[in-house]
Every structure is written in C-alpha cells, then in structure tokens.
C-alpha cells in the first residue's frame, strides 16, 4: 500500500493496435494492472510507442502501479492535468468575449466550430454534424449562453460526448494532427471551397487560439509558425464589374424613390455612393455628424458604426450595437467630404423624413434600427427597375456595399491622392491600392480615346 491507495507489481503491457475511424486513425496502447485492463489512444504511432516504452521501463525497474488509475505510482505525483482542445477553446472564447465586438464574437465561434470536429479522437457515438454545429456554434462558443446554464436538453448528451472525446491541446504539436485541422478551414460546411477571405480570417483566429494555448502553458510554442500549409490565394481586388458610374447611380436612386418604402432610404444609399460609408456606418449616421451648408460641399464627421452581428453576440441583446469605427479607437473621428449632390439629398431627407428620437437619419420599418434584409430587398427591387436585363443579371451593384466600391474608385480615378482617399474611406493606403484601385464603369471608352489620340500624335 502507498498511503490509502492500493498498488501492485502485477503488470502486463501488450503491443500497439491500430484503429481506423472516419475522423482518422488512432493507435491504442493496452496494459493490465492486477486484473483490470487499461488503454490509452494516440494520434500517431510514435506517441503511442513513446508511452508504451515509458510503461515498460518503469515496470522493469520495479515501479509499483496504482490499481485505481492504472498508472505508475510516480506518475501520480508528477502527471500534469491534460487540457482538451474543447476545454481550451471555451476558455479562449471566455477570454476574448468581454473585449470583442459582436461581429468578432460571431467570427470566433464560427472558426472554432469549423476546426473542433477535426479534433475529435473517435467516431464512435459521435453526434451528427448538424447537432455538433448547433452545440458548438450556438452554445459552447457563445460565452453568454454557456454562462446562463447547461445546453438545451437535446444537446446535453452531445456536449458530454464532445467534452470526453476531444484531443488534448498538446496534440496540436504533431503536424499530422494539425494539417487536417488547417485543411478544414479551406472548405465550407457543404464541402465546397470557402472564399479566400474566409479562410484567411479563420486561420488568423485559429493562430490566436493556439497562441493562447502557449500562453497558458499547454504548448511549448505555436506549431502554426513552422507549418508549411498554403491557404487558397487571396483575391482581394474588387471586381470592376460591380462598380457603377454616376448615371447608373442616379437611375438607381430614382428607382428607390419610386418604391413604396423607398423614399426614406434614398439618402441611405447615397451616403454609401458619394461618401463611401460602410453599411454599418450609414445605419448609425446621426444628424450631429452632418455639417451641411445650404448648398455646395459639406462634411460628415463619423465616429460610430453599428454592424449587424445578431442578438446572441451583442452586449445589449440587439441585432445592431453601436461601437467605434472599424480599425479606429473609441471617440476617433473620420471626416468625409459631402459633394454638392449629396448635400442636397441629405438636406432634403432631413426636411422630408426627419430623424429618430436619438438623432439617427435612418430607421427600420417599425422605427428601430434599419435591418439589412429591409434595405437589401429595396435595393434588389431598384436594380430590377433601373437596370437593363443584362445589367441586372450581371454583378453590377449587386450588393449595396458595392456603392462604397464605386465611391472609392471614383475618387481614385478622379485624381485624388491615394493617401487622402485612404483617409476618407477609413483604410490604410496599402489596403486601398490592393483592393479598391479599379476603374469605374463607363471609363473604358474615355481611356481608349486617349490611347487613340496618342497613337495619332505619334504618326504625325
């Protein structure tokens, strides 16, 4: 006896067995302590052989084994607590939650829910993929819902199974475990390739989660820094086919005005086209941010944005939650010029439609925050009414966000210095030139005429 725990020298250690599952192959080590059989599974044969060799060595040295745990007695004193990936991922969510915006919380949950099924040690008894996603995305990686209590009754058994069958975080140090995890980032739930920007965002979150594992002592270093894995090529440049010219913009705004609930939102679309506001910035645009003369150039003073993240991810429980501008600190202001045409549209909007009680220019159908579904339906109807059949079938201004692309492209093609355009648009110059430096629709003919003139001059 060692203290109150029973020990024995009657130990037999068997060979390694290979076990194939849908989620991958594991290697099992089996041994007998007294009359009870024990086993442990590993992601690679090398890890299994190392574990078995340790057991053999201690047994040959006369080390007693603990009957209750099946481990050598010395391991009871020195063995570290093994943290599973699932436990660590939940801890990572809890660490990030208080300081993250709703969109960021949502992105973290989406990324972790993508990689976690690849870190399960067995397929036996595994919940279906829809159930796994509902559990991971809807409860496990939502800090507020998890803090409120256990998962919904139909997910309790699934949560218990995942908690018991997730690999240790330390397994990520093995490239043969980590590479399939990275490969899942390149696929959507339906198995088709994910957008390069999505892959890049999810990899960044995975990298940060692994960095947190290093910080907590679960890993000696971040294995992703040395992993040779190539993500899909990131195609950031704006497709020139989505960008409208001024005539098309006017026709679309006129079509919006003719729709039943459209007139109050003409200015909403106009601030994206003339001032390059993001939709979240336009939704939260307030009267106090406007500096408008009777006519001519004015200015917009932007300090907040209200991107849509969903009620589950916000602090207030509302779908939209005002916060500082993207890539800006709290209370930082971005000043954007208001061209004469936009100045007129905004002044007319204030006269005809006023503002909400808290000063917002735009409101939803019931007076609350404007929803993307509401203005998205209006925009789709306006495209159908204002564009030709071929234009409506093309990518031209397919999304309201494309109005922002048109604004930035217009500024660049108008000769505004890139540094000034970046400041107005709220981008770095590097991102601006990589993403937005495209010609607007209708400029090709003018540029070709310039080339023709140059060729004629060369013949004279």
Protein backbone atom coordinates (compact mmCIF):
# COMPACT_ATOMS: atom_id res chain seq x y z
CA UNK A 1 0.00 0.00 0.00
CA UNK A 2 1.11 3.57 -0.69
CA UNK A 3 -0.86 5.79 1.70
CA UNK A 4 -4.52 4.83 1.22
CA UNK A 5 -4.14 3.74 -2.41
CA UNK A 6 -3.65 0.11 -3.43
CA UNK A 7 -0.65 -0.68 -5.65
CA UNK A 8 0.61 -3.78 -7.41
CA UNK A 9 3.64 -5.11 -9.28
CA UNK A 10 1.44 -7.43 -11.34
CA UNK A 11 1.64 -5.55 -14.65
CA UNK A 12 1.45 -6.79 -18.25
CA UNK A 13 1.89 -4.48 -21.22
CA UNK A 14 0.66 -5.51 -24.67
CA UNK A 15 1.54 -4.28 -28.14
CA UNK A 16 0.08 -1.36 -30.08
CA UNK A 17 -3.12 -1.77 -32.10
CA UNK A 18 -4.12 0.45 -35.00
CA UNK A 19 -7.73 1.62 -35.10
CA UNK A 20 -9.30 3.36 -38.12
CA UNK A 21 -12.22 5.77 -37.70
CA UNK A 22 -13.99 8.13 -40.06
CA UNK A 23 -12.29 11.04 -38.33
CA UNK A 24 -8.82 9.44 -38.69
CA UNK A 25 -6.57 6.73 -37.34
CA UNK A 26 -5.62 6.22 -33.69
CA UNK A 27 -3.05 3.96 -32.05
CA UNK A 28 -4.05 2.19 -28.84
CA UNK A 29 -1.78 1.01 -26.02
CA UNK A 30 -3.27 -1.69 -23.75
CA UNK A 31 -1.92 -2.91 -20.43
CA UNK A 32 -3.08 -4.93 -17.41
CA UNK A 33 -2.71 -3.78 -13.80
CA UNK A 34 -3.72 -6.60 -11.46
CA UNK A 35 -6.90 -7.94 -13.01
CA UNK A 36 -8.03 -4.73 -14.70
CA UNK A 37 -7.27 -3.79 -18.29
CA UNK A 38 -6.38 -0.20 -19.19
CA UNK A 39 -5.89 1.50 -22.54
CA UNK A 40 -4.96 4.88 -23.99
CA UNK A 41 -5.19 6.13 -27.60
CA UNK A 42 -2.81 8.41 -29.50
CA UNK A 43 -2.92 10.29 -32.78
CA UNK A 44 0.36 8.84 -34.07
CA UNK A 45 2.29 5.58 -33.68
CA UNK A 46 5.32 7.50 -32.42
CA UNK A 47 3.35 8.94 -29.49
CA UNK A 48 1.90 5.52 -28.68
CA UNK A 49 5.34 3.84 -28.81
CA UNK A 50 6.80 6.50 -26.53
CA UNK A 51 4.02 5.99 -23.98
CA UNK A 52 4.37 2.19 -24.11
CA UNK A 53 8.15 2.42 -23.73
CA UNK A 54 7.71 4.51 -20.57
CA UNK A 55 5.34 1.93 -19.10
CA UNK A 56 7.72 -0.95 -19.92
CA UNK A 57 10.73 0.84 -18.49
CA UNK A 58 9.05 1.61 -15.17
CA UNK A 59 7.60 -1.90 -14.87
CA UNK A 60 11.06 -3.44 -15.45
CA UNK A 61 12.57 -1.11 -12.84
CA UNK A 62 10.13 -2.47 -10.24
CA UNK A 63 7.90 0.59 -10.14
CA UNK A 64 4.55 -0.19 -8.45
CA UNK A 65 1.39 0.69 -10.39
CA UNK A 66 -1.66 2.32 -8.84
CA UNK A 67 -4.63 -0.05 -9.09
CA UNK A 68 -7.19 2.76 -9.12
CA UNK A 69 -5.69 4.76 -12.00
CA UNK A 70 -3.64 2.10 -13.80
CA UNK A 71 -0.62 4.43 -13.85
CA UNK A 72 2.84 4.08 -12.29
CA UNK A 73 2.88 5.49 -8.75
CA UNK A 74 5.50 8.11 -9.67
CA UNK A 75 3.15 9.47 -12.32
CA UNK A 76 0.52 10.19 -9.68
CA UNK A 77 2.88 12.75 -8.17
CA UNK A 78 4.15 14.35 -11.36
CA UNK A 79 1.46 13.89 -14.02
CA UNK A 80 0.08 17.20 -15.29
CA UNK A 81 -3.57 17.83 -15.84
CA UNK A 82 -4.32 17.32 -19.52
CA UNK A 83 -6.42 20.09 -21.06
CA UNK A 84 -8.58 19.12 -24.01
CA UNK A 85 -8.98 21.28 -27.09
CA UNK A 86 -12.68 21.70 -26.28
CA UNK A 87 -11.93 22.97 -22.76
CA UNK A 88 -9.26 25.30 -24.11
CA UNK A 89 -11.49 26.62 -26.92
CA UNK A 90 -14.20 27.50 -24.39
CA UNK A 91 -11.60 29.25 -22.21
CA UNK A 92 -10.37 31.18 -25.27
CA UNK A 93 -13.91 32.35 -26.04
CA UNK A 94 -14.34 33.50 -22.43
CA UNK A 95 -11.07 35.43 -22.61
CA UNK A 96 -11.95 37.21 -25.87
CA UNK A 97 -15.66 37.85 -25.19
CA UNK A 98 -15.56 40.94 -22.92
CA UNK A 99 -13.43 42.99 -25.31
CA UNK A 100 -14.72 41.76 -28.69
CA UNK A 101 -17.41 43.30 -30.89
CA UNK A 102 -20.45 41.24 -31.79
CA UNK A 103 -19.13 40.50 -35.28
CA UNK A 104 -15.80 39.37 -33.83
CA UNK A 105 -17.52 37.10 -31.30
CA UNK A 106 -19.55 35.57 -34.10
CA UNK A 107 -16.41 35.05 -36.22
CA UNK A 108 -14.55 33.37 -33.34
CA UNK A 109 -17.43 30.96 -32.74
CA UNK A 110 -17.69 30.16 -36.46
CA UNK A 111 -13.95 29.45 -36.73
CA UNK A 112 -13.74 27.26 -33.63
CA UNK A 113 -16.88 25.36 -34.67
CA UNK A 114 -15.18 24.67 -38.01
CA UNK A 115 -11.98 23.14 -36.61
CA UNK A 116 -13.23 21.37 -33.47
CA UNK A 117 -14.89 18.38 -35.25
CA UNK A 118 -11.47 17.61 -36.74
CA UNK A 119 -10.02 17.32 -33.22
CA UNK A 120 -12.29 14.53 -32.01
CA UNK A 121 -10.49 11.27 -31.15
CA UNK A 122 -13.16 8.83 -32.25
CA UNK A 123 -16.20 8.48 -34.46
CA UNK A 124 -17.96 6.01 -32.16
CA UNK A 125 -21.08 7.64 -30.76
CA UNK A 126 -20.28 10.92 -32.46
CA UNK A 127 -23.25 13.29 -32.84
CA UNK A 128 -24.29 14.23 -36.35
CA UNK A 129 -22.65 17.27 -37.95
CA UNK A 130 -25.82 19.42 -37.68
CA UNK A 131 -26.06 18.62 -33.96
CA UNK A 132 -22.35 19.29 -33.48
CA UNK A 133 -22.67 22.66 -35.18
CA UNK A 134 -25.75 23.62 -33.18
CA UNK A 135 -23.90 22.74 -29.98
CA UNK A 136 -20.55 24.36 -30.79
CA UNK A 137 -21.70 27.49 -32.62
CA UNK A 138 -24.93 28.02 -30.73
CA UNK A 139 -23.86 27.22 -27.16
CA UNK A 140 -20.28 26.09 -26.43
CA UNK A 141 -18.58 29.04 -28.11
CA UNK A 142 -21.11 31.65 -27.00
CA UNK A 143 -19.84 32.78 -23.59
CA UNK A 144 -23.15 34.33 -22.53
CA UNK A 145 -25.28 31.29 -23.32
CA UNK A 146 -22.80 28.95 -21.65
CA UNK A 147 -22.72 31.14 -18.52
CA UNK A 148 -26.53 31.09 -18.37
CA UNK A 149 -26.60 27.35 -17.69
CA UNK A 150 -26.37 23.92 -19.34
CA UNK A 151 -27.11 23.47 -23.04
CA UNK A 152 -30.66 22.80 -24.26
CA UNK A 153 -31.88 19.36 -23.25
CA UNK A 154 -31.49 17.89 -26.72
CA UNK A 155 -27.80 18.90 -26.73
CA UNK A 156 -26.78 17.72 -23.25
CA UNK A 157 -25.59 14.26 -24.33
CA UNK A 158 -23.78 15.73 -27.34
CA UNK A 159 -21.94 18.21 -25.10
CA UNK A 160 -20.90 15.45 -22.70
CA UNK A 161 -19.64 13.34 -25.59
CA UNK A 162 -17.60 16.19 -27.12
CA UNK A 163 -16.10 17.09 -23.73
CA UNK A 164 -14.95 13.48 -23.26
CA UNK A 165 -13.72 12.82 -26.80
CA UNK A 166 -11.68 15.86 -27.83
CA UNK A 167 -7.92 15.62 -28.27
CA UNK A 168 -5.57 17.23 -25.78
CA UNK A 169 -4.36 20.66 -26.85
CA UNK A 170 -0.80 19.26 -26.78
CA UNK A 171 -1.65 17.05 -29.79
CA UNK A 172 -1.55 20.16 -32.00
CA UNK A 173 2.22 19.98 -31.78
CA UNK A 174 2.03 16.96 -34.11
CA UNK A 175 1.89 18.14 -37.78
CA UNK A 176 -0.16 15.06 -38.64
CA UNK A 177 -2.88 16.33 -36.31
CA UNK A 178 -2.57 20.00 -37.21
CA UNK A 179 -2.57 19.69 -41.00
CA UNK A 180 -6.11 18.22 -41.31
CA UNK A 181 -7.29 20.98 -38.97
CA UNK A 182 -5.91 23.59 -41.36
CA UNK A 183 -7.43 21.79 -44.32
CA UNK A 184 -10.92 22.15 -42.81
CA UNK A 185 -10.53 25.93 -43.00
CA UNK A 186 -10.49 25.75 -46.80
CA UNK A 187 -13.93 24.13 -47.02
CA UNK A 188 -17.48 25.29 -46.40
CA UNK A 189 -19.97 23.16 -44.47
CA UNK A 190 -21.27 21.72 -47.75
CA UNK A 191 -17.76 20.63 -48.76
CA UNK A 192 -17.24 23.29 -51.43
CA UNK A 193 -14.20 25.60 -51.32
CA UNK A 194 -14.51 28.52 -48.91
CA UNK A 195 -13.84 32.08 -50.01
CA UNK A 196 -10.16 33.00 -49.63
CA UNK A 197 -11.02 35.90 -47.31
CA UNK A 198 -12.97 33.48 -45.08
CA UNK A 199 -10.03 31.07 -44.95
CA UNK A 200 -7.65 33.89 -44.06
CA UNK A 201 -9.92 35.17 -41.27
CA UNK A 202 -10.46 31.71 -39.76
CA UNK A 203 -6.75 30.88 -39.87
CA UNK A 204 -5.98 34.11 -38.03
CA UNK A 205 -8.43 33.15 -35.27
CA UNK A 206 -7.01 29.62 -35.04
CA UNK A 207 -3.49 31.09 -34.82
CA UNK A 208 -4.58 33.37 -31.97
CA UNK A 209 -6.28 30.49 -30.13
CA UNK A 210 -3.10 28.41 -30.37
CA UNK A 211 -1.07 31.41 -29.16
CA UNK A 212 -3.34 31.46 -26.12
CA UNK A 213 -2.56 27.76 -25.56
CA UNK A 214 1.14 28.67 -25.50
CA UNK A 215 0.41 31.47 -23.04
CA UNK A 216 -1.42 29.04 -20.73
CA UNK A 217 1.42 26.50 -20.88
CA UNK A 218 -0.39 23.83 -22.92
CA UNK A 219 2.15 24.07 -25.77
CA UNK A 220 5.84 24.94 -25.78
CA UNK A 221 5.43 27.04 -28.92
CA UNK A 222 2.96 27.80 -31.70
CA UNK A 223 3.29 25.00 -34.27
CA UNK A 224 1.49 27.09 -36.89
CA UNK A 225 4.56 29.32 -37.26
CA UNK A 226 6.52 26.46 -38.82
CA UNK A 227 3.69 24.65 -40.56
CA UNK A 228 4.11 24.69 -44.35
CA UNK A 229 0.48 25.00 -45.37
CA UNK A 230 -0.70 27.08 -48.27
CA UNK A 231 -4.07 28.74 -47.99
CA UNK A 232 -6.06 29.48 -51.17
CA UNK A 233 -4.75 32.57 -52.90
CA UNK A 234 -6.43 35.64 -51.51
CA UNK A 235 -8.23 37.52 -54.25
CA UNK A 236 -8.85 40.87 -52.57
CA UNK A 237 -9.23 43.17 -55.55
CA UNK A 238 -12.71 44.49 -56.21
CA UNK A 239 -14.31 43.10 -59.35
CA UNK A 240 -14.62 46.11 -61.72
CA UNK A 241 -17.92 44.70 -62.95
CA UNK A 242 -19.66 45.59 -59.67
CA UNK A 243 -18.82 49.31 -59.87
CA UNK A 244 -21.45 51.70 -61.25
CA UNK A 245 -20.95 55.11 -62.84
CA UNK A 246 -22.74 58.29 -61.83
CA UNK A 247 -25.53 57.96 -64.37
CA UNK A 248 -26.34 54.46 -63.20
CA UNK A 249 -26.26 55.60 -59.56
CA UNK A 250 -28.76 58.37 -60.27
CA UNK A 251 -31.06 55.95 -62.08
CA UNK A 252 -30.93 53.53 -59.14
CA UNK A 253 -31.66 56.25 -56.58
CA UNK A 254 -34.60 57.41 -58.69
CA UNK A 255 -35.90 53.83 -58.75
CA UNK A 256 -35.59 53.59 -54.95
CA UNK A 257 -37.64 56.79 -54.63
CA UNK A 258 -40.47 55.23 -56.67
CA UNK A 259 -40.78 52.19 -54.39
CA UNK A 260 -43.35 52.17 -51.61
CA UNK A 261 -40.96 52.31 -48.64
CA UNK A 262 -38.06 53.65 -50.67
CA UNK A 263 -38.07 57.47 -50.26
CA UNK A 264 -36.66 57.48 -46.69
CA UNK A 265 -33.73 55.35 -47.85
CA UNK A 266 -32.56 57.30 -50.92
CA UNK A 267 -30.13 59.19 -48.68
CA UNK A 268 -29.02 55.91 -47.08
CA UNK A 269 -27.80 54.56 -50.41
CA UNK A 270 -26.49 57.99 -51.41
CA UNK A 271 -24.08 58.29 -48.45
CA UNK A 272 -22.52 54.97 -49.45
CA UNK A 273 -22.13 56.08 -53.08
CA UNK A 274 -21.00 59.69 -52.58
CA UNK A 275 -19.12 59.36 -49.24
CA UNK A 276 -18.04 55.67 -49.21
CA UNK A 277 -19.73 54.85 -45.91
CA UNK A 278 -19.88 51.23 -44.87
CA UNK A 279 -23.47 49.97 -44.34
CA UNK A 280 -22.95 49.86 -40.56
CA UNK A 281 -21.73 53.46 -40.61
CA UNK A 282 -24.69 54.57 -42.69
CA UNK A 283 -27.18 52.78 -40.41
CA UNK A 284 -25.85 54.70 -37.40
CA UNK A 285 -25.41 58.08 -39.16
CA UNK A 286 -26.80 60.86 -36.95
CA UNK A 287 -27.78 64.48 -37.53
CA UNK A 288 -24.99 65.66 -35.23
CA UNK A 289 -22.46 64.14 -37.64
CA UNK A 290 -23.58 66.41 -40.51
CA UNK A 291 -22.06 69.76 -41.34
CA UNK A 292 -24.13 70.86 -44.35
CA UNK A 293 -24.34 74.33 -45.93
CA UNK A 294 -27.42 75.43 -47.85
CA UNK A 295 -25.69 74.13 -50.97
CA UNK A 296 -22.25 73.05 -52.10
CA UNK A 297 -19.67 70.95 -50.30
CA UNK A 298 -20.33 69.80 -46.73
CA UNK A 299 -18.70 67.31 -44.39
CA UNK A 300 -19.63 64.17 -42.46
CA UNK A 301 -18.00 63.57 -39.06
CA UNK A 302 -18.13 59.81 -38.48
CA UNK A 303 -17.38 58.34 -35.05
CA UNK A 304 -19.62 55.26 -34.70
CA UNK A 305 -20.75 52.23 -36.67
CA UNK A 306 -23.45 49.64 -35.99
CA UNK A 307 -22.59 46.46 -37.91
CA UNK A 308 -25.12 43.64 -37.79
CA UNK A 309 -23.95 40.70 -35.67
CA UNK A 310 -27.12 39.22 -34.19
CA UNK A 311 -28.74 39.34 -30.77
CA UNK A 312 -26.80 36.33 -29.50
CA UNK A 313 -23.48 38.09 -29.85
CA UNK A 314 -24.16 41.64 -28.64
CA UNK A 315 -23.98 43.04 -25.13
CA UNK A 316 -27.39 44.67 -25.33
CA UNK A 317 -29.22 41.76 -26.94
CA UNK A 318 -29.97 43.89 -30.01
CA UNK A 319 -29.05 42.83 -33.51
CA UNK A 320 -27.00 46.01 -34.02
CA UNK A 321 -24.84 47.61 -31.38
CA UNK A 322 -23.12 50.99 -31.97
CA UNK A 323 -19.36 50.98 -31.41
CA UNK A 324 -16.29 52.80 -32.65
CA UNK A 325 -15.37 52.88 -36.34
CA UNK A 326 -13.61 49.89 -37.86
CA UNK A 327 -9.84 49.99 -37.25
CA UNK A 328 -10.28 53.14 -35.11
CA UNK A 329 -10.06 53.80 -31.38
CA UNK A 330 -13.04 54.92 -29.31
CA UNK A 331 -14.05 58.55 -29.98
CA UNK A 332 -11.79 58.80 -33.05
CA UNK A 333 -13.50 60.74 -35.86
CA UNK A 334 -13.21 60.24 -39.61
CA UNK A 335 -14.05 63.29 -41.70
CA UNK A 336 -15.51 62.65 -45.16
CA UNK A 337 -16.48 65.33 -47.69
CA UNK A 338 -20.08 65.61 -48.84
CA UNK A 339 -20.27 66.55 -52.55
CA UNK A 340 -22.92 69.13 -53.51
CA UNK A 341 -25.32 66.47 -54.79
CA UNK A 342 -25.11 64.51 -51.53
CA UNK A 343 -25.51 67.72 -49.52
CA UNK A 344 -28.79 68.39 -51.33
CA UNK A 345 -30.02 64.82 -50.82
CA UNK A 346 -29.24 64.90 -47.08
CA UNK A 347 -30.87 68.31 -46.54
CA UNK A 348 -33.99 67.13 -48.39
CA UNK A 349 -34.03 63.95 -46.27
CA UNK A 350 -33.97 65.93 -43.02
CA UNK A 351 -36.87 68.11 -44.21
CA UNK A 352 -38.99 65.24 -45.54
CA UNK A 353 -38.25 62.43 -43.08
CA UNK A 354 -36.56 63.95 -40.03
CA UNK A 355 -34.67 61.75 -37.59
CA UNK A 356 -35.35 59.26 -34.83
CA UNK A 357 -35.56 60.47 -31.22
CA UNK A 358 -31.85 59.78 -30.76
CA UNK A 359 -30.88 61.59 -33.96
CA UNK A 360 -30.43 58.70 -36.42
CA UNK A 361 -31.25 59.57 -40.02
CA UNK A 362 -32.49 56.13 -40.98
CA UNK A 363 -34.94 53.82 -39.26
CA UNK A 364 -36.39 50.36 -39.83
CA UNK A 365 -39.98 49.51 -40.71
CA UNK A 366 -41.04 49.75 -37.06
CA UNK A 367 -38.82 52.65 -36.10
CA UNK A 368 -35.91 50.59 -34.79
CA UNK A 369 -32.50 50.06 -36.33
CA UNK A 370 -32.51 49.61 -40.09
CA UNK A 371 -32.08 45.94 -40.99
CA UNK A 372 -30.00 44.61 -43.87
CA UNK A 373 -32.95 42.49 -45.02
CA UNK A 374 -35.10 45.62 -45.40
CA UNK A 375 -32.67 47.72 -47.38
CA UNK A 376 -31.44 44.62 -49.26
CA UNK A 377 -34.94 43.94 -50.62
CA UNK A 378 -35.32 47.57 -51.65
CA UNK A 379 -32.01 47.55 -53.47
CA UNK A 380 -32.86 44.33 -55.33
CA UNK A 381 -36.15 45.84 -56.49
CA UNK A 382 -34.42 49.07 -57.58
CA UNK A 383 -31.85 47.16 -59.65
CA UNK A 384 -34.62 45.30 -61.42
CA UNK A 385 -36.42 48.58 -62.19
CA UNK A 386 -33.45 50.77 -63.17
CA UNK A 387 -31.02 48.46 -64.97
CA UNK A 388 -31.31 46.69 -68.28
CA UNK A 389 -31.93 42.95 -68.27
CA UNK A 390 -28.27 42.19 -68.95
CA UNK A 391 -27.06 44.66 -66.30
CA UNK A 392 -29.45 43.26 -63.70
CA UNK A 393 -28.19 39.74 -64.46
CA UNK A 394 -24.56 40.87 -64.07
CA UNK A 395 -22.63 41.58 -60.84
CA UNK A 396 -23.16 45.34 -61.37
CA UNK A 397 -24.00 46.90 -57.95
CA UNK A 398 -25.39 43.57 -56.82
CA UNK A 399 -24.94 44.49 -53.16
CA UNK A 400 -25.44 47.88 -51.51
CA UNK A 401 -21.82 47.57 -50.33
CA UNK A 402 -20.77 47.92 -53.98
CA UNK A 403 -21.78 51.58 -53.75
CA UNK A 404 -18.80 52.09 -51.43
CA UNK A 405 -16.54 50.46 -54.01
CA UNK A 406 -17.87 52.88 -56.61
CA UNK A 407 -17.19 55.88 -54.35
CA UNK A 408 -13.57 54.94 -53.70
CA UNK A 409 -12.95 54.08 -57.35
CA UNK A 410 -14.45 57.43 -58.39
CA UNK A 411 -12.13 59.32 -56.06
CA UNK A 412 -9.07 57.44 -57.28
CA UNK A 413 -9.94 57.82 -60.94
CA UNK A 414 -10.70 61.49 -60.35
CA UNK A 415 -7.08 62.05 -59.36
CA UNK A 416 -7.49 62.33 -55.57
CA UNK A 417 -4.19 61.23 -53.95
CA UNK A 418 -4.29 57.71 -52.53
CA UNK A 419 -3.34 58.94 -49.06
CA UNK A 420 -6.36 61.26 -48.99
CA UNK A 421 -8.71 58.60 -50.37
CA UNK A 422 -7.49 56.14 -47.71
CA UNK A 423 -8.21 58.71 -45.00
CA UNK A 424 -11.72 59.39 -46.29
CA UNK A 425 -12.52 55.70 -46.73
CA UNK A 426 -11.04 54.56 -43.41
CA UNK A 427 -8.39 52.29 -44.88
CA UNK A 428 -4.62 52.03 -44.93
CA UNK A 429 -3.02 53.11 -48.20
CA UNK A 430 -1.73 49.58 -48.69
CA UNK A 431 -5.21 48.04 -48.44
CA UNK A 432 -6.67 50.81 -50.57
CA UNK A 433 -4.33 50.25 -53.51
CA UNK A 434 -4.60 46.49 -53.25
CA UNK A 435 -8.38 46.34 -53.03
CA UNK A 436 -10.02 49.45 -54.46
CA UNK A 437 -7.81 50.76 -57.25
CA UNK A 438 -10.17 49.83 -60.09
CA UNK A 439 -11.76 51.79 -62.93
CA UNK A 440 -15.41 52.67 -62.63
CA UNK A 441 -17.97 51.62 -65.22
CA UNK A 442 -18.06 53.89 -68.26
CA UNK A 443 -14.39 54.97 -68.20
CA UNK A 444 -13.05 52.42 -70.68
CA UNK A 445 -14.21 54.40 -73.72
CA UNK A 446 -12.58 57.62 -72.48
CA UNK A 447 -9.29 55.84 -71.80
CA UNK A 448 -9.34 54.20 -75.22
CA UNK A 449 -9.88 57.58 -76.85
CA UNK A 450 -6.80 58.86 -75.04
CA UNK A 451 -4.79 55.95 -76.43
CA UNK A 452 -6.12 56.64 -79.94
CA UNK A 453 -5.12 60.30 -79.67
CA UNK A 454 -1.65 59.31 -78.54
CA UNK A 455 -1.28 56.93 -81.48
CA UNK A 456 -2.44 59.61 -83.94
CA UNK A 457 0.03 62.08 -82.47
CA UNK A 458 2.77 59.52 -82.93
CA UNK A 459 2.01 59.18 -86.67
CA UNK A 460 2.25 62.94 -87.39
